[in-house]
Amino acid sequence: MIYCCWWCLKSECFKFDGAVQNGVCCGASPVNPGVKNSNYCLPAYTAYKNYDYTEPGRNNEQPGLCGLSNLGNTCFMNSAIQCLSNTPPLTEYFLNDKYQEELNFDNPLGMRGEIAKSYAELIKQMWSGKYSYVTPRAFKTQVGRFAPQFSGYQQQDCQELLAFLLDGLHEDLNRIRKKPYIQLKDADGRPDKVVAEEAWENHLKRNDSIIVDIFHGLFKSTLVCPECAKISVTFDPFCYLTLPLPMKKERSLEVYLVRMDPLAKPMQYKVVVPKIGNILDLCTALSTLSGVAADKMIVTDIYNHRFHRIFAMDENLSSIMERDDIYVFEITLNRTEDTDQVIIPVCLREKFRHTGYSHHSGSSLFGQPFLMAVPRNNTEDKLYNLLLLRMCRYVKTSTESEESEGSLHCCKDHGINGNGPNGIHEEGSPSEMETDEPDDESSQDQELPSENENSQSEDSVGGDNDSENGLSTEETCKGQLLTGHKKRLFTFQFNNLGNTDINYIKDDTRHIRFDDRQLRLDERSFLALDWDPELKKRYFDDNAAEDFEKHESVEYKPPKKPFVKLKDCIELFTTKEKLGAEDPWYCPNCKEHQQATKKLDLWSLPPVLVVHLKRFSYSRYMRDKLDTLVDFPITDLDMSEFLINPNAGPCRYNLIAVSNHYGGMGGGHYTAFAKNKDDGKWYYFDDSSVSTASEDQIVSKAAYVLFYQRQDTFSGTGFFPLDREANQGASASTGSPLERDEDGNENDVDNEHCMHTN
């Protein structure tokens, strides 16, 4: 017989082994070419008896100890399947073929039974005891057909797949063939018992499946209007509990404070700031530690020897990552009132000259850039000396012999002290600080090239620009050497931050203007200081430039809470909260949307409780994964204290499976721990690999989704009694369809299950 691989449409002849029924050339199930659709898509129903590739066990494998191949970022799916596979009542249901009787092919909300059939075949493969692992490509294809978000090979969320799979199995196996329309009612002051019974019965009229039997519970939702005090009480079913984790409201950041005093080394601080705060909060915290006023600070992000970003005070702290190098500069001028001063960013560059046959020259950034306040109107000589003073801590003073050769400038040569704005006061002789006026008219205003020729993006402030991209001080003013023809340690070039809108710059407000040898600077000006390699080697002290001191706050480590308990998360789940402005509640009394207070309470719990720990946090300001260690019990999880149903009996649960996520928001890896229902031992499932595990390995920071089974549903090694005929005497009012008779008749027999609603 000729089989066709529907994955690659290649017909092949296969010789079947009696023990292993595989007939796939690239990863698909064998189908008859005659049943292939004309558009080469998968037929509506194909028996998936071959899971692409299976690895036969060396001997008879323990049923259920079967790995799943990773098809490419499908570890999230493998983890979810292993957890469901080791949920005894669900697996027994499929292994005993009870699903065959309840397949719902006509449910418009279902998948024509395809998800249930594909899942059943996969479970039978995994529990056959024949294979050490199988490749679930056909199952993934079926999931992708009905949920396109899972059709590719991108990393996905395990919990999202679980939610889809449980819902898909429910609709494919829904015993209700025609769902009636039900008008939902508010409590309107009626007793909780009455409203809960009504809500559960209404739920069962439309939803009755093995998934409801095993996983569905009921919680109470109470909303209170802040305007008219209207109280709205509803009871809603749930399939899993999504529990929030206690979040830290603060975070610590390490920053460097660069003081105004040029001789002071930068100091590293550790500041505690709100997680949802702004740059002003950072400055306020730093001001408390350093004594520098917050309004005299400018916060920057330095990367690769340049200013990657200069922050505004109202920007969110979420834009600062842990790995960022944050430098805060002390600036004495008042940026709103002092119009005679301007703050300019300065970066350092080392020039390279062409050698040999190379005709290329350029520059590379080095050292730490800095901010400084200078007069808007300045001469080149004065600006040079201000810059030299700013770097005097790590720029060496020239020797007497060197001064006789080149009269290199240093800070002390001009009698400059730190008493003026930005710690600078000029007292130099005019003959040393200024040059003679040129005789011809060519000395009049020389402006920068137009902005589209001389612009840079904000992310590349202080980039590698040669003289053609800026204005070299030695190339202006007719090529004369300034400062009395004395050789300088560095030259400097002007640039701008590069707003690409040419209309932004008025004709009379260029970033740098030369009027009678005066430099006119504005807030968008910045400087690049170009150093000759030889002069840099002789006079620039790299070690001193990089040196800094540590404040005692850096050494302080606040005490960390080692873990939170699962019950802490449940208490947080049931805590009253105020709805956000973006998620208001429509009050039927006020006829308006209101920010009501909301409280959730647990009324009844299912035989298998799925707990989703909300580790991934999303907000307007940040996205983060919480790696908080949640301490959850392996046995005897007592949920009775959280049930508000006064008639609920003891509810004790044992852990049966855990889905783990290792990594962060951008990606990671999923694995699973699960307890085998036959031998009662724990195992670790990592894609195709299966290994034994101990209980002390299970509780970890990676735990993401927990599966608990109620103790009264265990029988022997974990078999769950699903025979509906055996429960004909149970009451529907308990809230569990497992306790109804086959015809759905209600009885008044009391029981002690946690699904009580009376």
Foldseek 3Di string as FASTA:
>chain_A
DWWAFLVVRDIDDDDADPVAGDDHDAFGATDDVVQQDPVSDDDLDDQGLAGRDFAFDPDQAAFLQFFEFQPALCLLVRQLLSAQLQQFANLVCLVVVVLVVQFQQPQPVESSLRLVNLSSSVSCVRRVSTGLYGYRPVNQCSVCVVPVVSNDRDHDHSVVVNVVSLSRNQSRRFNQRDADDDDDDWCVPPDQLVQQLVQLVNCNSHTDGVLQQFFKFKKKKWWAFPPPRDITIHIDIDRAAAFEDDDDQKDKAWAWEAELQLQAFIEIFIFIFGQWAFQLRVLVRVCVVPVAHSQQKWKFWDDQQFTQDTDDRRHTPLVDDRPTHIYIYGFPDRPVPPPQKEKAKEWEWEKAQDDDPDHDIWIGTDFHIDIAIDGQKAFPLVVQLVVQSSNLNFFADDDPVVCVVFVEDHNPVQPWAQPDGSGTDGDGDPLQRFDDQDDDPQQAKDADPQLVQQEDAQSQPQHTDDCSNFPWPCVPPPNDQPRVNGDYQWIKTKGFHRDPPSVVADPPRGQWIAHRNITGHHHGIYMYIYGHVVSCVVTGHRVSSPDYHYDPNVVDDDDDDQAAEPVVRVVVLQDKDWADPVDFDQDPVVRHTGRIIMGMAGAFGRQKHKYFHPQWDDDPSHTWGHLGFYDYDQWFPWCVVRHPHPQAFTWTWHWAKFWFFDDIDVDTRIWMWGQRLPPRFIWIHGRRDIGGDDPVVPRGSGTGMTMIGTPVQADDSRNGPQPLCVQCQFAVQLSRSSNHHPVRDGDPDDDNHRSHSD
